[in-house]
Amino acid sequence: MTAASEHQDPDAAPEAVVLAGGAARRLGGADKPAVRVGGRTLLDRVLAGCPAGGPDPVVVGPRRRTARPVRWTREEPPGGGPLPALAAGLALTERPLVAVLAADLPFLDAATVPRLAAALPPDADGALLVDPGGRDQPLTGVYRAAALRAALAALGEAPAALAGRPLRAALGGLRLRRLPGPPALDCDTWPDIAVARAAIGDHGVVLEEWIAAVKAELGVELDVDTKALLDAARDAAHGVTRPAAPLTTFLIGYAAGRTGLPPAEAAARVAALAEDWARERAEPEARP
């Protein structure tokens, strides 16, 4: 099977392996994947960027609450570093391509993994991002699973042979394609966390981030048309009464959940109703 056919076959899309078992020493031992940025944990933010529609992502590390179903596993020995974690994650994967991701990437875009997979040439073992400074980002990469397994086996079968060794010990011999990526913003320190949190506001996506955080917290999978909901809430506030806005948006969501009515259609109906309501109040004596 060629790389091109792999990309066209949905069953050959990359499986995701997220490494989430580090000690986070530079965070004072805090549970880094559970640290929140924009209302969501770092782990949930990475999982949101993993491919959809295939096997659940594999997360290597202690079990935590996640908004998305995952397959859990642990490295041997626990806390043994990235190579034992990678070996444990690979043991649960079956597809020819594997996306290997860190658990501390707050702005992993959902288009990143497909982009890397599509850029993987037939004669390469993997494709990864490189930041503007020229530094490899190996934990934002897509690799051929067979090549990773062979590289790990060459280092030794026993877990002790992998523990404590850097990722480059396995990746150094692979043929890799490097793609330009954004500035690396993994969160190794509390100042990194502060920068990521500030970036939520700087990017002008506070509302979208809030909606995503609420959906994750409540386990809601509705594709919310934020603009339609805001327009309906605005019409209700202006045409009816201000407290009608939050109650209206609640009822739109409730109707969508109970009846399956698309939120955008429900919002359009409510907006029309609010316009009629306002018209009646403006012309109380009007008759059809």
Protein backbone atom coordinates (compact mmCIF):
# COMPACT_ATOMS: atom_id res chain seq x y z
CA MET A 1 0.00 0.00 0.00
CA THR A 2 1.42 3.40 -0.95
CA ALA A 3 1.41 6.44 1.29
CA ALA A 4 -1.13 8.10 -0.99
CA SER A 5 -3.58 5.21 -0.65
CA GLU A 6 -3.04 5.19 3.12
CA HIS A 7 -4.17 8.80 3.25
CA GLN A 8 -7.26 8.10 1.14
CA ASP A 9 -8.29 5.10 3.24
CA PRO A 10 -10.08 6.26 6.43
CA ASP A 11 -9.05 3.03 8.16
CA ALA A 12 -5.39 3.96 7.63
CA ALA A 13 -5.65 7.43 9.19
CA PRO A 14 -3.21 7.81 12.10
CA GLU A 15 -4.02 6.47 15.54
CA ALA A 16 -3.07 8.93 18.26
CA VAL A 17 -0.72 8.14 21.14
CA VAL A 18 -0.56 10.88 23.77
CA LEU A 19 2.31 10.77 26.26
CA ALA A 20 0.93 11.98 29.59
CA GLY A 21 3.08 10.39 32.27
CA GLY A 22 5.87 12.88 32.89
CA ALA A 23 6.87 14.00 36.37
CA ALA A 24 6.43 17.75 35.58
CA ARG A 25 9.36 18.67 37.83
CA ARG A 26 9.45 22.22 36.47
CA LEU A 27 5.82 22.59 37.59
CA GLY A 28 6.74 21.53 41.11
CA GLY A 29 5.33 18.06 40.59
CA ALA A 30 1.85 19.30 39.62
CA ASP A 31 -0.30 17.00 37.48
CA LYS A 32 0.54 18.85 34.27
CA PRO A 33 -2.02 17.19 31.94
CA ALA A 34 -4.75 18.19 34.43
CA VAL A 35 -3.72 21.88 34.51
CA ARG A 36 -6.44 24.01 32.93
CA VAL A 37 -5.98 26.54 30.15
CA GLY A 38 -9.09 28.32 28.95
CA GLY A 39 -11.29 26.16 31.18
CA ARG A 40 -10.07 22.85 29.73
CA THR A 41 -7.28 20.60 30.90
CA LEU A 42 -4.16 20.44 28.77
CA LEU A 43 -4.91 16.77 28.11
CA ASP A 44 -8.45 17.52 26.92
CA ARG A 45 -7.13 20.24 24.64
CA VAL A 46 -4.71 17.79 23.02
CA LEU A 47 -7.38 15.10 22.73
CA ALA A 48 -9.63 17.61 20.94
CA GLY A 49 -6.91 17.92 18.29
CA CYS A 50 -6.63 14.16 17.75
CA PRO A 51 -8.23 12.59 14.68
CA ALA A 52 -11.94 11.79 14.99
CA GLY A 53 -13.86 8.88 13.58
CA GLY A 54 -11.26 6.17 14.26
CA PRO A 55 -10.04 4.26 17.30
CA ASP A 56 -10.04 6.18 20.56
CA PRO A 57 -6.72 7.87 21.29
CA VAL A 58 -4.24 5.98 23.46
CA VAL A 59 -3.14 7.95 26.53
CA VAL A 60 -0.04 6.75 28.36
CA GLY A 61 -0.10 7.86 31.98
CA PRO A 62 -2.18 7.80 35.16
CA ARG A 63 -5.93 7.67 34.60
CA ARG A 64 -7.69 11.01 34.71
CA ARG A 65 -11.11 12.31 33.80
CA THR A 66 -11.29 13.15 30.09
CA ALA A 67 -14.01 14.69 27.97
CA ARG A 68 -13.32 12.22 25.18
CA PRO A 69 -13.18 8.42 25.45
CA VAL A 70 -9.61 7.15 25.43
CA ARG A 71 -7.67 3.91 25.87
CA TRP A 72 -5.45 4.03 28.93
CA THR A 73 -2.12 2.35 29.45
CA ARG A 74 1.02 2.84 31.56
CA GLU A 75 4.68 2.74 30.73
CA GLU A 76 6.96 0.22 32.40
CA PRO A 77 8.41 1.26 34.71
CA PRO A 78 5.96 4.08 35.59
CA GLY A 79 7.71 7.39 35.09
CA GLY A 80 10.39 5.69 33.00
CA GLY A 81 10.41 8.42 30.37
CA PRO A 82 9.26 8.90 26.78
CA LEU A 83 10.63 5.69 25.26
CA PRO A 84 8.87 3.26 27.64
CA ALA A 85 5.74 5.42 27.22
CA LEU A 86 5.99 5.24 23.45
CA ALA A 87 6.45 1.45 23.59
CA ALA A 88 3.38 1.09 25.81
CA GLY A 89 1.28 3.24 23.51
CA LEU A 90 2.39 1.42 20.37
CA ALA A 91 1.35 -1.88 21.96
CA LEU A 92 -2.30 -0.80 21.71
CA THR A 93 -2.21 0.50 18.14
CA GLU A 94 -2.89 -1.46 14.95
CA ARG A 95 -2.90 1.09 12.14
CA PRO A 96 0.19 1.69 9.99
CA LEU A 97 0.47 5.36 10.99
CA VAL A 98 0.70 6.71 14.53
CA ALA A 99 0.48 10.34 15.66
CA VAL A 100 2.74 10.80 18.69
CA LEU A 101 1.73 13.81 20.75
CA ALA A 102 2.69 15.48 24.00
CA ALA A 103 -0.03 16.06 26.58
CA ASP A 104 0.93 19.72 27.08
CA LEU A 105 0.12 21.30 23.71
CA PRO A 106 -2.66 23.79 24.49
CA PHE A 107 -3.17 24.94 20.89
CA LEU A 108 -2.88 21.72 18.91
CA ASP A 109 -4.97 22.32 15.80
CA ALA A 110 -7.24 19.53 14.56
CA ALA A 111 -5.75 20.00 11.08
CA THR A 112 -2.18 19.30 12.24
CA VAL A 113 -2.25 15.49 12.31
CA PRO A 114 -3.97 15.16 8.90
CA ARG A 115 -1.49 17.66 7.47
CA LEU A 116 1.47 15.65 8.74
CA ALA A 117 0.00 12.38 7.49
CA ALA A 118 -0.65 13.83 4.04
CA ALA A 119 2.92 15.14 3.84
CA LEU A 120 4.53 11.79 4.69
CA PRO A 121 6.32 10.56 1.54
CA PRO A 122 6.62 6.84 0.73
CA ASP A 123 10.35 6.79 1.48
CA ALA A 124 10.12 8.46 4.91
CA ASP A 125 9.49 6.98 8.36
CA GLY A 126 7.75 10.02 9.76
CA ALA A 127 6.83 13.68 9.46
CA LEU A 128 7.09 16.20 12.27
CA LEU A 129 6.80 19.91 12.88
CA VAL A 130 9.78 22.22 13.24
CA ASP A 131 9.38 25.52 15.07
CA PRO A 132 10.52 28.83 13.54
CA GLY A 133 13.84 28.48 15.37
CA GLY A 134 14.58 25.23 13.53
CA ARG A 135 14.00 22.97 16.54
CA ASP A 136 12.33 19.62 15.93
CA GLN A 137 9.03 18.99 17.70
CA PRO A 138 9.08 15.17 17.76
CA LEU A 139 5.98 15.02 19.98
CA THR A 140 3.98 16.68 17.24
CA GLY A 141 4.61 14.08 14.58
CA VAL A 142 3.14 11.25 12.53
CA TYR A 143 5.26 8.11 12.15
CA ARG A 144 5.09 4.70 10.55
CA ALA A 145 4.33 2.37 13.42
CA ALA A 146 6.56 -0.38 12.03
CA ALA A 147 9.54 2.00 11.92
CA LEU A 148 8.98 3.08 15.52
CA ARG A 149 8.68 -0.51 16.72
CA ALA A 150 11.87 -1.47 14.91
CA ALA A 151 13.75 1.50 16.37
CA LEU A 152 12.66 0.63 19.90
CA ALA A 153 13.52 -3.04 19.44
CA ALA A 154 17.01 -2.07 18.28
CA LEU A 155 17.58 -0.38 21.65
CA GLY A 156 16.74 -3.54 23.59
CA GLU A 157 13.69 -5.60 24.48
CA ALA A 158 13.89 -5.12 28.26
CA PRO A 159 12.07 -2.08 29.71
CA ALA A 160 15.26 -1.12 31.53
CA ALA A 161 16.95 -0.59 28.16
CA LEU A 162 14.47 2.19 27.35
CA ALA A 163 13.94 3.82 30.74
CA GLY A 164 15.43 7.26 31.13
CA ARG A 165 16.61 7.54 27.52
CA PRO A 166 15.64 10.55 25.39
CA LEU A 167 13.25 10.31 22.49
CA ARG A 168 16.02 11.03 20.00
CA ALA A 169 17.61 7.69 20.89
CA ALA A 170 14.83 6.02 18.89
CA LEU A 171 14.05 8.74 16.37
CA GLY A 172 17.60 9.66 15.49
CA GLY A 173 17.96 6.88 12.93
CA LEU A 174 14.62 7.43 11.22
CA ARG A 175 14.11 9.14 7.88
CA LEU A 176 11.99 12.14 8.77
CA ARG A 177 10.31 14.88 6.81
CA ARG A 178 10.20 18.21 8.60
CA LEU A 179 7.37 20.70 8.10
CA PRO A 180 7.37 24.30 9.29
CA GLY A 181 5.12 24.84 12.26
CA PRO A 182 4.11 27.66 14.62
CA PRO A 183 6.24 28.66 17.59
CA ALA A 184 6.34 25.75 20.01
CA LEU A 185 4.09 26.41 22.99
CA ASP A 186 4.31 23.36 25.17
CA CYS A 187 3.76 24.06 28.83
CA ASP A 188 6.78 22.97 30.84
CA THR A 189 6.75 25.77 33.44
CA TRP A 190 4.22 27.97 35.21
CA PRO A 191 5.29 30.96 33.08
CA ASP A 192 4.48 28.81 30.02
CA ILE A 193 1.04 28.16 31.49
CA ALA A 194 0.56 31.89 32.08
CA VAL A 195 1.50 32.66 28.46
CA ALA A 196 -0.95 30.06 27.17
CA ARG A 197 -3.75 31.39 29.35
CA ALA A 198 -3.07 34.95 28.23
CA ALA A 199 -3.06 33.83 24.59
CA ILE A 200 -6.70 32.80 24.87
CA GLY A 201 -7.66 36.46 25.17
CA ASP A 202 -4.99 37.69 22.79
CA HIS A 203 -6.34 35.48 20.01
CA GLY A 204 -9.81 36.95 20.36
CA VAL A 205 -11.43 33.54 20.80
CA VAL A 206 -12.64 33.83 24.38
CA LEU A 207 -16.23 32.98 23.51
CA GLU A 208 -15.30 29.98 21.38
CA GLU A 209 -12.98 28.74 24.12
CA TRP A 210 -15.71 29.16 26.72
CA ILE A 211 -18.24 27.22 24.63
CA ALA A 212 -15.69 24.44 24.08
CA ALA A 213 -14.95 24.32 27.82
CA VAL A 214 -18.64 24.12 28.73
CA LYS A 215 -19.26 21.38 26.17
CA ALA A 216 -16.32 19.41 27.52
CA GLU A 217 -17.41 19.86 31.13
CA LEU A 218 -21.00 18.78 30.42
CA GLY A 219 -20.17 16.08 27.89
CA VAL A 220 -22.20 17.83 25.21
CA GLU A 221 -21.31 17.04 21.60
CA LEU A 222 -23.69 19.46 19.88
CA ASP A 223 -22.15 21.51 17.07
CA VAL A 224 -23.15 24.88 18.46
CA ASP A 225 -23.62 27.74 16.00
CA THR A 226 -22.41 30.44 18.34
CA LYS A 227 -23.39 33.34 16.09
CA ALA A 228 -26.95 32.06 15.70
CA LEU A 229 -27.33 31.63 19.47
CA LEU A 230 -25.95 35.10 20.15
CA ASP A 231 -28.24 36.65 17.55
CA ALA A 232 -31.25 34.92 19.09
CA ALA A 233 -30.21 36.00 22.59
CA ARG A 234 -29.72 39.59 21.40
CA ASP A 235 -33.13 39.64 19.72
CA ALA A 236 -34.77 38.25 22.85
CA ALA A 237 -33.02 40.82 25.06
CA HIS A 238 -33.92 43.78 22.84
CA GLY A 239 -37.36 42.71 21.67
CA VAL A 240 -38.73 41.05 24.80
CA THR A 241 -36.81 41.74 28.02
CA ARG A 242 -33.15 41.48 29.02
CA PRO A 243 -33.50 38.42 31.30
CA ALA A 244 -34.99 36.56 28.33
CA ALA A 245 -31.53 36.20 26.73
CA PRO A 246 -29.99 33.53 28.99
CA LEU A 247 -33.28 31.67 29.36
CA THR A 248 -33.77 31.68 25.60
CA THR A 249 -30.35 30.20 24.89
CA PHE A 250 -30.99 27.57 27.57
CA LEU A 251 -34.28 26.59 25.93
CA ILE A 252 -32.62 26.37 22.51
CA GLY A 253 -30.05 23.96 23.89
CA TYR A 254 -32.68 22.00 25.80
CA ALA A 255 -34.82 21.64 22.69
CA ALA A 256 -31.82 20.50 20.67
CA GLY A 257 -30.97 17.87 23.24
CA ARG A 258 -34.51 16.57 23.69
CA THR A 259 -35.88 16.75 20.14
CA GLY A 260 -32.80 16.70 17.92
CA LEU A 261 -33.74 20.07 16.42
CA PRO A 262 -30.52 21.63 15.07
CA PRO A 263 -29.49 24.54 17.30
CA ALA A 264 -29.15 26.85 14.30
CA GLU A 265 -32.74 26.11 13.22
CA ALA A 266 -34.01 26.52 16.77
CA ALA A 267 -32.16 29.83 17.04
CA ALA A 268 -33.64 31.03 13.73
CA ARG A 269 -37.15 30.20 14.91
CA VAL A 270 -36.60 32.01 18.19
CA ALA A 271 -35.14 35.04 16.41
CA ALA A 272 -38.23 35.22 14.19
CA LEU A 273 -40.46 34.84 17.24
CA ALA A 274 -38.62 37.68 19.01
CA GLU A 275 -39.06 39.92 15.97
CA ASP A 276 -42.80 39.18 15.91
CA TRP A 277 -42.99 39.82 19.65
CA ALA A 278 -41.26 43.18 19.28
CA ARG A 279 -43.51 44.13 16.37
CA GLU A 280 -46.65 43.37 18.39
CA ARG A 281 -45.41 45.52 21.25
CA ALA A 282 -44.61 48.38 18.89
CA GLU A 283 -48.01 48.19 17.21
CA PRO A 284 -50.41 46.95 19.93
CA GLU A 285 -53.51 47.96 17.95
CA ALA A 286 -52.42 46.42 14.66
CA ARG A 287 -54.65 43.75 13.17
CA PRO A 288 -53.73 41.13 10.54
